[in-house]
Amino acid sequence: MDVKKGDTVLVIAGKDKGLRGKVLRSIPDKSQVVVEGVHRHKRHQKANAKVMQAGIITKEGPIHVSNVMVYCQACHQPTRVRREENADGDRIRVCASCGASLD
């Protein structure tokens, strides 16, 4: 999975197509990510010891990783991810369009 927590991604499919946000959490075994402000749904919260306030809260749900593309900060467009080795021999993620590092 080429998308990590903290990446900025653009939603390319679904009801939130065109929205851009930061990845809050990735779920690699299900190939899903939770993106800030995307796939929001309402949940009824009951008051308990942790949360004193009851009510309806909105939270982000997971979406499939195939519905997002990593957004490159250098070329300001969504891009595919390529893997390359740097001088130390470590594998890093780079933008397929401009070659800028995404890590």
N, C-alpha and C. Protein backbone atom coordinates (compact mmCIF):
# COMPACT_ATOMS: atom_id res chain seq x y z
N MET A 1 0.84 -1.17 0.00
CA MET A 1 0.00 0.00 0.00
C MET A 1 0.89 1.24 0.00
N ASP A 2 0.68 2.13 -0.96
CA ASP A 2 1.54 3.30 -1.13
C ASP A 2 1.11 4.50 -0.33
N VAL A 3 -0.02 4.42 0.35
CA VAL A 3 -0.55 5.55 1.12
C VAL A 3 -0.24 5.32 2.59
N LYS A 4 0.34 6.35 3.24
CA LYS A 4 0.69 6.26 4.66
C LYS A 4 -0.08 7.30 5.46
N LYS A 5 -0.06 7.12 6.77
CA LYS A 5 -0.65 8.10 7.67
C LYS A 5 0.10 9.42 7.53
N GLY A 6 -0.63 10.51 7.40
CA GLY A 6 -0.02 11.83 7.27
C GLY A 6 0.08 12.31 5.84
N ASP A 7 -0.11 11.45 4.85
CA ASP A 7 -0.07 11.86 3.45
C ASP A 7 -1.29 12.72 3.12
N THR A 8 -1.12 13.62 2.16
CA THR A 8 -2.25 14.35 1.61
C THR A 8 -2.71 13.59 0.38
N VAL A 9 -4.01 13.30 0.32
CA VAL A 9 -4.54 12.52 -0.80
C VAL A 9 -5.72 13.25 -1.43
N LEU A 10 -6.00 12.91 -2.69
CA LEU A 10 -7.15 13.42 -3.42
C LEU A 10 -8.08 12.25 -3.69
N VAL A 11 -9.36 12.41 -3.37
CA VAL A 11 -10.35 11.36 -3.62
C VAL A 11 -10.70 11.40 -5.10
N ILE A 12 -10.56 10.25 -5.79
CA ILE A 12 -10.78 10.21 -7.23
C ILE A 12 -12.06 9.48 -7.62
N ALA A 13 -12.75 8.87 -6.64
CA ALA A 13 -13.99 8.16 -6.94
C ALA A 13 -14.91 8.19 -5.74
N GLY A 14 -16.21 8.06 -6.00
CA GLY A 14 -17.18 8.02 -4.92
C GLY A 14 -17.90 9.35 -4.73
N LYS A 15 -18.71 9.41 -3.68
CA LYS A 15 -19.52 10.60 -3.45
C LYS A 15 -18.70 11.82 -3.05
N ASP A 16 -17.49 11.61 -2.54
CA ASP A 16 -16.62 12.71 -2.14
C ASP A 16 -15.52 13.00 -3.16
N LYS A 17 -15.76 12.65 -4.41
CA LYS A 17 -14.77 12.83 -5.47
C LYS A 17 -14.36 14.30 -5.57
N GLY A 18 -13.04 14.54 -5.64
CA GLY A 18 -12.52 15.89 -5.77
C GLY A 18 -12.07 16.50 -4.45
N LEU A 19 -12.43 15.89 -3.31
CA LEU A 19 -11.99 16.42 -2.02
C LEU A 19 -10.56 16.01 -1.73
N ARG A 20 -9.86 16.89 -1.02
CA ARG A 20 -8.48 16.62 -0.65
C ARG A 20 -8.38 16.66 0.86
N GLY A 21 -7.61 15.74 1.43
CA GLY A 21 -7.47 15.70 2.88
C GLY A 21 -6.27 14.89 3.31
N LYS A 22 -6.02 14.93 4.61
CA LYS A 22 -4.89 14.22 5.19
C LYS A 22 -5.34 12.84 5.67
N VAL A 23 -4.48 11.85 5.50
CA VAL A 23 -4.79 10.49 5.94
C VAL A 23 -4.62 10.44 7.46
N LEU A 24 -5.70 10.12 8.17
CA LEU A 24 -5.67 10.03 9.62
C LEU A 24 -5.23 8.66 10.10
N ARG A 25 -5.62 7.63 9.33
CA ARG A 25 -5.32 6.26 9.75
C ARG A 25 -5.33 5.38 8.50
N SER A 26 -4.43 4.40 8.46
CA SER A 26 -4.46 3.44 7.36
C SER A 26 -4.72 2.05 7.93
N ILE A 27 -5.49 1.26 7.19
CA ILE A 27 -5.84 -0.10 7.60
C ILE A 27 -5.34 -1.03 6.51
N PRO A 28 -4.05 -1.47 6.57
CA PRO A 28 -3.46 -2.22 5.47
C PRO A 28 -4.10 -3.58 5.21
N ASP A 29 -4.57 -4.29 6.25
CA ASP A 29 -5.13 -5.62 6.00
C ASP A 29 -6.46 -5.55 5.25
N LYS A 30 -7.15 -4.41 5.29
CA LYS A 30 -8.40 -4.24 4.54
C LYS A 30 -8.21 -3.32 3.33
N SER A 31 -6.99 -2.82 3.11
CA SER A 31 -6.68 -1.88 2.03
C SER A 31 -7.57 -0.65 2.10
N GLN A 32 -7.71 -0.07 3.29
CA GLN A 32 -8.54 1.11 3.48
C GLN A 32 -7.78 2.20 4.20
N VAL A 33 -8.23 3.43 4.00
CA VAL A 33 -7.67 4.58 4.70
C VAL A 33 -8.81 5.45 5.21
N VAL A 34 -8.53 6.18 6.30
CA VAL A 34 -9.48 7.15 6.84
C VAL A 34 -8.91 8.53 6.53
N VAL A 35 -9.66 9.31 5.75
CA VAL A 35 -9.20 10.62 5.29
C VAL A 35 -10.01 11.70 5.99
N GLU A 36 -9.31 12.75 6.40
CA GLU A 36 -9.92 13.86 7.12
C GLU A 36 -10.98 14.56 6.25
N GLY A 37 -12.22 14.62 6.74
CA GLY A 37 -13.30 15.31 6.05
C GLY A 37 -13.96 14.53 4.93
N VAL A 38 -13.63 13.25 4.78
CA VAL A 38 -14.16 12.44 3.69
C VAL A 38 -14.96 11.27 4.27
N HIS A 39 -16.06 10.91 3.63
CA HIS A 39 -16.93 9.80 4.02
C HIS A 39 -17.42 9.98 5.46
N ARG A 40 -17.94 11.17 5.73
CA ARG A 40 -18.43 11.49 7.08
C ARG A 40 -19.80 10.87 7.27
N HIS A 41 -20.02 10.31 8.45
CA HIS A 41 -21.33 9.77 8.79
C HIS A 41 -21.65 10.09 10.23
N LYS A 42 -22.95 10.07 10.55
CA LYS A 42 -23.40 10.44 11.89
C LYS A 42 -23.51 9.21 12.77
N ARG A 43 -23.22 9.40 14.04
CA ARG A 43 -23.28 8.32 15.02
C ARG A 43 -23.94 8.87 16.28
N HIS A 44 -24.86 8.10 16.84
CA HIS A 44 -25.52 8.51 18.07
C HIS A 44 -24.66 8.08 19.25
N GLN A 45 -24.26 9.05 20.07
CA GLN A 45 -23.35 8.81 21.18
C GLN A 45 -24.12 8.87 22.49
N LYS A 46 -23.96 7.82 23.28
CA LYS A 46 -24.58 7.80 24.61
C LYS A 46 -23.57 8.33 25.62
N ALA A 47 -24.04 9.06 26.62
CA ALA A 47 -23.15 9.60 27.65
C ALA A 47 -22.63 8.45 28.51
N ASN A 48 -21.33 8.50 28.85
CA ASN A 48 -20.73 7.51 29.74
C ASN A 48 -19.62 8.17 30.54
N ALA A 49 -18.79 7.38 31.20
CA ALA A 49 -17.73 7.94 32.05
C ALA A 49 -16.71 8.74 31.24
N LYS A 50 -16.39 8.28 30.01
CA LYS A 50 -15.41 8.98 29.18
C LYS A 50 -16.01 10.23 28.54
N VAL A 51 -17.20 10.08 27.96
CA VAL A 51 -17.87 11.17 27.25
C VAL A 51 -19.10 11.57 28.05
N MET A 52 -19.07 12.76 28.64
CA MET A 52 -20.19 13.19 29.46
C MET A 52 -21.34 13.74 28.61
N GLN A 53 -21.02 14.22 27.40
CA GLN A 53 -22.02 14.83 26.55
C GLN A 53 -22.59 13.80 25.58
N ALA A 54 -23.89 13.60 25.62
CA ALA A 54 -24.55 12.71 24.68
C ALA A 54 -25.00 13.52 23.47
N GLY A 55 -25.21 12.86 22.34
CA GLY A 55 -25.71 13.57 21.16
C GLY A 55 -25.29 12.86 19.89
N ILE A 56 -25.48 13.53 18.80
CA ILE A 56 -25.14 12.99 17.49
C ILE A 56 -23.80 13.58 17.08
N ILE A 57 -22.83 12.71 16.81
CA ILE A 57 -21.51 13.17 16.39
C ILE A 57 -21.27 12.72 14.95
N THR A 58 -20.44 13.46 14.24
CA THR A 58 -20.06 13.06 12.88
C THR A 58 -18.60 12.65 12.91
N LYS A 59 -18.29 11.56 12.22
CA LYS A 59 -16.91 11.09 12.16
C LYS A 59 -16.63 10.53 10.79
N GLU A 60 -15.35 10.44 10.45
CA GLU A 60 -14.93 9.94 9.16
C GLU A 60 -14.93 8.42 9.17
N GLY A 61 -15.33 7.85 8.05
CA GLY A 61 -15.30 6.41 7.88
C GLY A 61 -14.20 6.02 6.91
N PRO A 62 -13.86 4.74 6.85
CA PRO A 62 -12.80 4.31 5.94
C PRO A 62 -13.29 4.24 4.49
N ILE A 63 -12.37 4.51 3.56
CA ILE A 63 -12.65 4.32 2.14
C ILE A 63 -11.52 3.47 1.56
N HIS A 64 -11.79 2.82 0.46
CA HIS A 64 -10.80 1.93 -0.14
C HIS A 64 -9.65 2.74 -0.73
N VAL A 65 -8.46 2.19 -0.63
CA VAL A 65 -7.25 2.90 -1.06
C VAL A 65 -7.23 3.11 -2.57
N SER A 66 -7.99 2.32 -3.33
CA SER A 66 -8.04 2.52 -4.78
C SER A 66 -8.81 3.77 -5.16
N ASN A 67 -9.56 4.35 -4.23
CA ASN A 67 -10.35 5.55 -4.50
C ASN A 67 -9.61 6.83 -4.17
N VAL A 68 -8.34 6.75 -3.79
CA VAL A 68 -7.55 7.94 -3.48
C VAL A 68 -6.23 7.91 -4.24
N MET A 69 -5.68 9.11 -4.48
CA MET A 69 -4.36 9.25 -5.07
C MET A 69 -3.53 10.18 -4.20
N VAL A 70 -2.26 9.86 -4.05
CA VAL A 70 -1.36 10.70 -3.27
C VAL A 70 -1.20 12.04 -3.98
N TYR A 71 -1.25 13.13 -3.21
CA TYR A 71 -1.13 14.48 -3.76
C TYR A 71 0.30 14.96 -3.53
N CYS A 72 1.01 15.28 -4.60
CA CYS A 72 2.41 15.73 -4.51
C CYS A 72 2.44 17.22 -4.17
N GLN A 73 3.16 17.59 -3.12
CA GLN A 73 3.26 18.98 -2.71
C GLN A 73 4.20 19.77 -3.62
N ALA A 74 5.11 19.08 -4.33
CA ALA A 74 6.06 19.77 -5.19
C ALA A 74 5.43 20.20 -6.52
N CYS A 75 4.69 19.29 -7.16
CA CYS A 75 4.09 19.63 -8.47
C CYS A 75 2.61 19.98 -8.36
N HIS A 76 2.04 19.93 -7.16
CA HIS A 76 0.65 20.33 -6.89
C HIS A 76 -0.36 19.60 -7.76
N GLN A 77 -0.23 18.29 -7.83
CA GLN A 77 -1.20 17.47 -8.55
C GLN A 77 -1.18 16.05 -8.01
N PRO A 78 -2.28 15.31 -8.19
CA PRO A 78 -2.29 13.92 -7.74
C PRO A 78 -1.35 13.10 -8.62
N THR A 79 -0.72 12.10 -8.02
CA THR A 79 0.28 11.35 -8.75
C THR A 79 0.32 9.90 -8.31
N ARG A 80 0.89 9.07 -9.15
CA ARG A 80 1.18 7.70 -8.76
C ARG A 80 2.48 7.70 -7.98
N VAL A 81 2.74 6.62 -7.26
CA VAL A 81 3.92 6.54 -6.41
C VAL A 81 4.88 5.51 -6.99
N ARG A 82 6.13 5.90 -7.05
CA ARG A 82 7.19 5.00 -7.51
C ARG A 82 8.17 4.81 -6.37
N ARG A 83 8.81 3.67 -6.31
CA ARG A 83 9.81 3.40 -5.26
C ARG A 83 11.21 3.43 -5.86
N GLU A 84 12.11 4.13 -5.18
CA GLU A 84 13.51 4.21 -5.62
C GLU A 84 14.41 4.06 -4.41
N GLU A 85 15.66 3.77 -4.67
CA GLU A 85 16.66 3.69 -3.60
C GLU A 85 17.43 5.00 -3.55
N ASN A 86 17.65 5.50 -2.32
CA ASN A 86 18.45 6.72 -2.19
C ASN A 86 19.92 6.34 -2.03
N ALA A 87 20.77 7.30 -1.73
CA ALA A 87 22.21 7.06 -1.64
C ALA A 87 22.56 6.08 -0.51
N ASP A 88 21.75 6.06 0.56
CA ASP A 88 22.02 5.17 1.68
C ASP A 88 21.58 3.73 1.41
N GLY A 89 20.85 3.52 0.33
CA GLY A 89 20.33 2.19 0.03
C GLY A 89 18.94 1.95 0.55
N ASP A 90 18.33 2.97 1.18
CA ASP A 90 16.96 2.85 1.68
C ASP A 90 15.99 3.08 0.53
N ARG A 91 14.86 2.35 0.57
CA ARG A 91 13.82 2.55 -0.44
C ARG A 91 12.91 3.68 0.01
N ILE A 92 12.69 4.65 -0.88
CA ILE A 92 11.84 5.79 -0.57
C ILE A 92 10.74 5.89 -1.62
N ARG A 93 9.65 6.58 -1.28
CA ARG A 93 8.56 6.83 -2.22
C ARG A 93 8.82 8.14 -2.94
N VAL A 94 8.65 8.14 -4.25
CA VAL A 94 8.84 9.36 -5.04
C VAL A 94 7.64 9.57 -5.95
N CYS A 95 7.43 10.81 -6.33
CA CYS A 95 6.36 11.19 -7.24
C CYS A 95 6.71 10.68 -8.63
N ALA A 96 5.77 10.00 -9.28
CA ALA A 96 6.02 9.46 -10.61
C ALA A 96 6.10 10.56 -11.66
N SER A 97 5.49 11.73 -11.40
CA SER A 97 5.49 12.83 -12.36
C SER A 97 6.78 13.64 -12.33
N CYS A 98 7.12 14.14 -11.13
CA CYS A 98 8.25 15.07 -11.04
C CYS A 98 9.48 14.46 -10.37
N GLY A 99 9.34 13.32 -9.70
CA GLY A 99 10.49 12.68 -9.06
C GLY A 99 10.80 13.20 -7.67
N ALA A 100 9.95 14.04 -7.11
CA ALA A 100 10.19 14.58 -5.76
C ALA A 100 9.90 13.50 -4.72
N SER A 101 10.61 13.55 -3.62
CA SER A 101 10.42 12.57 -2.56
C SER A 101 9.11 12.82 -1.81
N LEU A 102 8.37 11.75 -1.49
CA LEU A 102 7.13 11.87 -0.75
C LEU A 102 7.31 11.53 0.72
N ASP A 103 8.46 11.02 1.10
CA ASP A 103 8.71 10.65 2.50
C ASP A 103 9.32 11.78 3.30
